[in-house]
PDB file of N, CA and C in Angstrom:
ATOM      1  N   MET A   1       0.875  -1.171   0.084  1.00  0.00           N
ATOM      2  CA  MET A   1      -0.025  -0.013   0.151  1.00  0.00           C
ATOM      3  C   MET A   1       0.776   1.364   0.022  1.00  0.00           C
ATOM      4  N   ARG A   2       0.586   2.202  -0.848  1.00  0.00           N
ATOM      5  CA  ARG A   2       1.344   3.385  -0.822  1.00  0.00           C
ATOM      6  C   ARG A   2       1.108   4.334   0.350  1.00  0.00           C
ATOM      7  N   LEU A   3       1.849   5.049   0.765  1.00  0.00           N
ATOM      8  CA  LEU A   3       1.735   5.994   1.909  1.00  0.00           C
ATOM      9  C   LEU A   3       0.459   6.880   1.598  1.00  0.00           C
ATOM     10  N   THR A   4       0.268   7.415   0.445  1.00  0.00           N
ATOM     11  CA  THR A   4      -0.868   8.222   0.243  1.00  0.00           C
ATOM     12  C   THR A   4      -2.188   7.602   0.388  1.00  0.00           C
ATOM     13  N   ASP A   5      -2.257   6.184   0.019  1.00  0.00           N
ATOM     14  CA  ASP A   5      -3.365   5.276   0.289  1.00  0.00           C
ATOM     15  C   ASP A   5      -3.564   5.228   1.769  1.00  0.00           C
ATOM     16  N   PHE A   6      -2.461   4.967   2.565  1.00  0.00           N
ATOM     17  CA  PHE A   6      -2.614   4.805   3.922  1.00  0.00           C
ATOM     18  C   PHE A   6      -3.230   6.036   4.638  1.00  0.00           C
ATOM     19  N   TRP A   7      -2.713   7.220   4.363  1.00  0.00           N
ATOM     20  CA  TRP A   7      -3.274   8.312   4.890  1.00  0.00           C
ATOM     21  C   TRP A   7      -4.702   8.662   4.549  1.00  0.00           C
ATOM     22  N   GLU A   8      -5.078   8.315   3.266  1.00  0.00           N
ATOM     23  CA  GLU A   8      -6.543   8.534   2.906  1.00  0.00           C
ATOM     24  C   GLU A   8      -7.336   7.553   3.811  1.00  0.00           C
ATOM     25  N   ARG A   9      -6.881   6.457   4.031  1.00  0.00           N
ATOM     26  CA  ARG A   9      -7.610   5.542   4.964  1.00  0.00           C
ATOM     27  C   ARG A   9      -7.749   5.898   6.333  1.00  0.00           C
ATOM     28  N   MET A  10      -6.594   6.507   6.777  1.00  0.00           N
ATOM     29  CA  MET A  10      -6.551   7.079   8.098  1.00  0.00           C
ATOM     30  C   MET A  10      -7.588   8.186   8.196  1.00  0.00           C
ATOM     31  N   GLU A  11      -7.588   8.981   7.353  1.00  0.00           N
ATOM     32  CA  GLU A  11      -8.394  10.296   7.415  1.00  0.00           C
ATOM     33  C   GLU A  11      -9.886   9.965   7.272  1.00  0.00           C
ATOM     34  N   LEU A  12     -10.230   8.784   6.457  1.00  0.00           N
ATOM     35  CA  LEU A  12     -11.575   8.365   6.341  1.00  0.00           C
ATOM     36  C   LEU A  12     -12.033   7.726   7.609  1.00  0.00           C
ATOM     37  N   VAL A  13     -11.322   7.000   8.325  1.00  0.00           N
ATOM     38  CA  VAL A  13     -11.626   6.429   9.634  1.00  0.00           C
ATOM     39  C   VAL A  13     -11.645   7.311  10.758  1.00  0.00           C
ATOM     40  N   LEU A  14     -10.580   8.247  10.879  1.00  0.00           N
ATOM     41  CA  LEU A  14     -10.332   9.045  12.102  1.00  0.00           C
ATOM     42  C   LEU A  14     -10.768  10.502  11.859  1.00  0.00           C
ATOM     43  N   GLY A  15     -10.980  10.852  10.660  1.00  0.00           N
ATOM     44  CA  GLY A  15     -11.122  12.366  10.323  1.00  0.00           C
ATOM     45  C   GLY A  15      -9.874  12.983   9.787  1.00  0.00           C
ATOM     46  N   PRO A  16      -9.845  14.035   9.037  1.00  0.00           N
ATOM     47  CA  PRO A  16      -8.667  14.539   8.550  1.00  0.00           C
ATOM     48  C   PRO A  16      -7.727  15.150   9.498  1.00  0.00           C
ATOM     49  N   THR A  17      -8.191  15.726  10.534  1.00  0.00           N
ATOM     50  CA  THR A  17      -7.501  16.445  11.590  1.00  0.00           C
ATOM     51  C   THR A  17      -7.037  15.421  12.562  1.00  0.00           C
ATOM     52  N   TYR A  18      -7.949  14.650  13.037  1.00  0.00           N
ATOM     53  CA  TYR A  18      -7.532  13.685  14.109  1.00  0.00           C
ATOM     54  C   TYR A  18      -6.686  12.634  13.750  1.00  0.00           C
ATOM     55  N   ALA A  19      -6.760  12.191  12.437  1.00  0.00           N
ATOM     56  CA  ALA A  19      -5.813  11.061  12.026  1.00  0.00           C
ATOM     57  C   ALA A  19      -4.481  11.449  12.265  1.00  0.00           C
ATOM     58  N   HIS A  20      -3.982  12.615  11.949  1.00  0.00           N
ATOM     59  CA  HIS A  20      -2.622  12.957  12.206  1.00  0.00           C
ATOM     60  C   HIS A  20      -2.160  13.125  13.596  1.00  0.00           C
ATOM     61  N   SER A  21      -3.145  13.557  14.455  1.00  0.00           N
ATOM     62  CA  SER A  21      -2.817  13.781  15.895  1.00  0.00           C
ATOM     63  C   SER A  21      -2.788  12.370  16.616  1.00  0.00           C
ATOM     64  N   TRP A  22      -3.646  11.429  16.181  1.00  0.00           N
ATOM     65  CA  TRP A  22      -3.717  10.083  16.500  1.00  0.00           C
ATOM     66  C   TRP A  22      -2.415   9.275  16.216  1.00  0.00           C
ATOM     67  N   ALA A  23      -2.066   9.465  15.099  1.00  0.00           N
ATOM     68  CA  ALA A  23      -0.883   8.781  14.452  1.00  0.00           C
ATOM     69  C   ALA A  23       0.432   9.304  15.297  1.00  0.00           C
ATOM     70  N   HIS A  24       0.383  10.514  15.778  1.00  0.00           N
ATOM     71  CA  HIS A  24       1.493  11.054  16.587  1.00  0.00           C
ATOM     72  C   HIS A  24       1.471  10.523  18.020  1.00  0.00           C
ATOM     73  N   ASP A  25       0.295  10.334  18.548  1.00  0.00           N
ATOM     74  CA  ASP A  25       0.124  10.131  19.933  1.00  0.00           C
ATOM     75  C   ASP A  25      -0.048   8.600  20.379  1.00  0.00           C
ATOM     76  N   VAL A  26      -0.765   7.919  19.570  1.00  0.00           N
ATOM     77  CA  VAL A  26      -1.228   6.621  20.089  1.00  0.00           C
ATOM     78  C   VAL A  26      -0.341   5.470  19.686  1.00  0.00           C
ATOM     79  N   VAL A  27       0.113   4.674  20.705  1.00  0.00           N
ATOM     80  CA  VAL A  27       1.174   3.588  20.578  1.00  0.00           C
ATOM     81  C   VAL A  27       0.361   2.385  20.029  1.00  0.00           C
ATOM     82  N   LEU A  28       0.673   1.708  18.964  1.00  0.00           N
ATOM     83  CA  LEU A  28      -0.214   0.628  18.546  1.00  0.00           C
ATOM     84  C   LEU A  28       0.381  -0.641  19.211  1.00  0.00           C
ATOM     85  N   PRO A  29      -0.469  -1.361  19.936  1.00  0.00           N
ATOM     86  CA  PRO A  29       0.181  -2.448  20.698  1.00  0.00           C
ATOM     87  C   PRO A  29       0.762  -3.497  19.714  1.00  0.00           C
ATOM     88  N   PRO A  30       0.133  -3.821  18.668  1.00  0.00           N
ATOM     89  CA  PRO A  30       0.830  -4.925  17.817  1.00  0.00           C
ATOM     90  C   PRO A  30       2.225  -4.477  17.210  1.00  0.00           C
ATOM     91  N   LEU A  31       2.491  -3.155  17.289  1.00  0.00           N
ATOM     92  CA  LEU A  31       3.847  -2.687  16.708  1.00  0.00           C
ATOM     93  C   LEU A  31       4.714  -2.155  17.847  1.00  0.00           C
ATOM     94  N   GLY A  32       4.138  -1.772  18.967  1.00  0.00           N
ATOM     95  CA  GLY A  32       4.907  -1.316  20.167  1.00  0.00           C
ATOM     96  C   GLY A  32       5.421   0.220  19.790  1.00  0.00           C
ATOM     97  N   ARG A  33       4.787   0.848  18.845  1.00  0.00           N
ATOM     98  CA  ARG A  33       5.172   2.329  18.633  1.00  0.00           C
ATOM     99  C   ARG A  33       3.950   2.956  17.901  1.00  0.00           C
ATOM    100  N   THR A  34       4.108   4.342  17.714  1.00  0.00           N
ATOM    101  CA  THR A  34       3.096   4.946  17.087  1.00  0.00           C
ATOM    102  C   THR A  34       3.180   4.863  15.555  1.00  0.00           C
ATOM    103  N   VAL A  35       2.266   5.314  14.780  1.00  0.00           N
ATOM    104  CA  VAL A  35       2.288   5.267  13.308  1.00  0.00           C
ATOM    105  C   VAL A  35       3.356   6.062  12.980  1.00  0.00           C
ATOM    106  N   GLU A  36       3.465   7.266  13.340  1.00  0.00           N
ATOM    107  CA  GLU A  36       4.750   8.044  12.863  1.00  0.00           C
ATOM    108  C   GLU A  36       5.983   7.412  13.088  1.00  0.00           C
ATOM    109  N   GLN A  37       6.232   6.834  14.202  1.00  0.00           N
ATOM    110  CA  GLN A  37       7.527   6.088  14.478  1.00  0.00           C
ATOM    111  C   GLN A  37       7.567   4.879  13.549  1.00  0.00           C
ATOM    112  N   ALA A  38       6.634   4.176  13.352  1.00  0.00           N
ATOM    113  CA  ALA A  38       6.510   2.992  12.531  1.00  0.00           C
ATOM    114  C   ALA A  38       6.839   3.402  11.037  1.00  0.00           C
ATOM    115  N   ILE A  39       6.423   4.436  10.563  1.00  0.00           N
ATOM    116  CA  ILE A  39       6.642   4.960   9.190  1.00  0.00           C
ATOM    117  C   ILE A  39       8.152   5.276   9.138  1.00  0.00           C
ATOM    118  N   ALA A  40       8.564   5.976  10.174  1.00  0.00           N
ATOM    119  CA  ALA A  40       9.990   6.531  10.215  1.00  0.00           C
ATOM    120  C   ALA A  40      10.929   5.338  10.304  1.00  0.00           C
ATOM    121  N   ASP A  41      10.463   4.241  10.916  1.00  0.00           N
ATOM    122  CA  ASP A  41      11.317   2.973  11.008  1.00  0.00           C
ATOM    123  C   ASP A  41      11.303   2.218   9.785  1.00  0.00           C
ATOM    124  N   GLY A  42      10.466   2.486   8.849  1.00  0.00           N
ATOM    125  CA  GLY A  42      10.415   1.722   7.546  1.00  0.00           C
ATOM    126  C   GLY A  42       9.504   0.541   7.613  1.00  0.00           C
ATOM    127  N   VAL A  43       8.528   0.434   8.544  1.00  0.00           N
ATOM    128  CA  VAL A  43       7.542  -0.534   8.734  1.00  0.00           C
ATOM    129  C   VAL A  43       6.655  -0.308   7.463  1.00  0.00           C
ATOM    130  N   GLU A  44       6.334  -1.560   6.721  1.00  0.00           N
ATOM    131  CA  GLU A  44       5.373  -1.521   5.744  1.00  0.00           C
ATOM    132  C   GLU A  44       4.122  -0.820   5.934  1.00  0.00           C
ATOM    133  N   THR A  45       3.434   0.060   5.215  1.00  0.00           N
ATOM    134  CA  THR A  45       2.262   0.636   5.506  1.00  0.00           C
ATOM    135  C   THR A  45       1.104  -0.328   5.548  1.00  0.00           C
ATOM    136  N   LYS A  46       1.205  -1.449   4.913  1.00  0.00           N
ATOM    137  CA  LYS A  46       0.089  -2.469   5.014  1.00  0.00           C
ATOM    138  C   LYS A  46       0.143  -3.117   6.410  1.00  0.00           C
ATOM    139  N   GLU A  47       1.299  -3.357   6.902  1.00  0.00           N
ATOM    140  CA  GLU A  47       1.439  -3.797   8.384  1.00  0.00           C
ATOM    141  C   GLU A  47       0.871  -2.802   9.379  1.00  0.00           C
ATOM    142  N   ILE A  48       1.386  -1.508   9.161  1.00  0.00           N
ATOM    143  CA  ILE A  48       0.865  -0.358  10.052  1.00  0.00           C
ATOM    144  C   ILE A  48      -0.732  -0.332   9.949  1.00  0.00           C
ATOM    145  N   TRP A  49      -1.242  -0.449   8.691  1.00  0.00           N
ATOM    146  CA  TRP A  49      -2.703  -0.252   8.525  1.00  0.00           C
ATOM    147  C   TRP A  49      -3.456  -1.487   9.372  1.00  0.00           C
ATOM    148  N   ARG A  50      -2.942  -2.659   9.291  1.00  0.00           N
ATOM    149  CA  ARG A  50      -3.429  -3.776  10.034  1.00  0.00           C
ATOM    150  C   ARG A  50      -3.347  -3.653  11.413  1.00  0.00           C
ATOM    151  N   ALA A  51      -2.240  -3.013  12.044  1.00  0.00           N
ATOM    152  CA  ALA A  51      -2.296  -2.578  13.435  1.00  0.00           C
ATOM    153  C   ALA A  51      -3.299  -1.496  13.810  1.00  0.00           C
ATOM    154  N   VAL A  52      -3.373  -0.565  12.799  1.00  0.00           N
ATOM    155  CA  VAL A  52      -4.456   0.489  13.136  1.00  0.00           C
ATOM    156  C   VAL A  52      -5.910  -0.117  13.176  1.00  0.00           C
ATOM    157  N   CYS A  53      -6.064  -1.018  12.244  1.00  0.00           N
ATOM    158  CA  CYS A  53      -7.472  -1.820  12.252  1.00  0.00           C
ATOM    159  C   CYS A  53      -7.647  -2.463  13.587  1.00  0.00           C
ATOM    160  N   ALA A  54      -6.635  -3.311  14.105  1.00  0.00           N
ATOM    161  CA  ALA A  54      -6.690  -4.081  15.183  1.00  0.00           C
ATOM    162  C   ALA A  54      -6.960  -3.144  16.464  1.00  0.00           C
ATOM    163  N   THR A  55      -6.339  -1.970  16.377  1.00  0.00           N
ATOM    164  CA  THR A  55      -6.553  -1.069  17.513  1.00  0.00           C
ATOM    165  C   THR A  55      -7.847  -0.336  17.609  1.00  0.00           C
ATOM    166  N   THR A  56      -8.381  -0.035  16.432  1.00  0.00           N
ATOM    167  CA  THR A  56      -9.539   0.889  16.361  1.00  0.00           C
ATOM    168  C   THR A  56     -10.788   0.018  15.990  1.00  0.00           C
ATOM    169  N   ASP A  57     -10.749  -1.166  15.838  1.00  0.00           N
ATOM    170  CA  ASP A  57     -11.904  -1.940  15.285  1.00  0.00           C
ATOM    171  C   ASP A  57     -12.539  -1.462  14.052  1.00  0.00           C
ATOM    172  N   VAL A  58     -11.690  -1.196  13.134  1.00  0.00           N
ATOM    173  CA  VAL A  58     -12.055  -0.759  11.826  1.00  0.00           C
ATOM    174  C   VAL A  58     -12.973  -1.846  11.154  1.00  0.00           C
ATOM    175  N   PRO A  59     -14.070  -1.524  10.574  1.00  0.00           N
ATOM    176  CA  PRO A  59     -14.902  -2.563   9.892  1.00  0.00           C
ATOM    177  C   PRO A  59     -14.056  -3.250   8.724  1.00  0.00           C
ATOM    178  N   GLY A  60     -14.326  -4.550   8.595  1.00  0.00           N
ATOM    179  CA  GLY A  60     -13.745  -5.282   7.705  1.00  0.00           C
ATOM    180  C   GLY A  60     -13.721  -4.753   6.191  1.00  0.00           C
ATOM    181  N   THR A  61     -14.674  -4.048   5.953  1.00  0.00           N
ATOM    182  CA  THR A  61     -14.626  -3.536   4.501  1.00  0.00           C
ATOM    183  C   THR A  61     -13.603  -2.490   4.237  1.00  0.00           C
ATOM    184  N   LEU A  62     -13.025  -1.984   5.330  1.00  0.00           N
ATOM    185  CA  LEU A  62     -11.919  -1.016   5.159  1.00  0.00           C
ATOM    186  C   LEU A  62     -10.602  -1.549   5.331  1.00  0.00           C
ATOM    187  N   ALA A  63     -10.573  -2.693   6.040  1.00  0.00           N
ATOM    188  CA  ALA A  63      -9.284  -3.389   6.366  1.00  0.00           C
ATOM    189  C   ALA A  63      -8.617  -4.110   5.228  1.00  0.00           C
TER     190      ALA A  63
END
């Protein structure tokens, strides 16, 4: 998944403003770091998205 697709999904699920704040502040248990940290560490966006889905209970149609 491209980074732009990832952010589009984040904004769809959490809203355009809150998505970026959430990505900065919330540690994803499956990854042990925030979205921003995971991106900086080179974690695949698909893996990050799966962790976001697990953490937020995103409906299966978006996962």
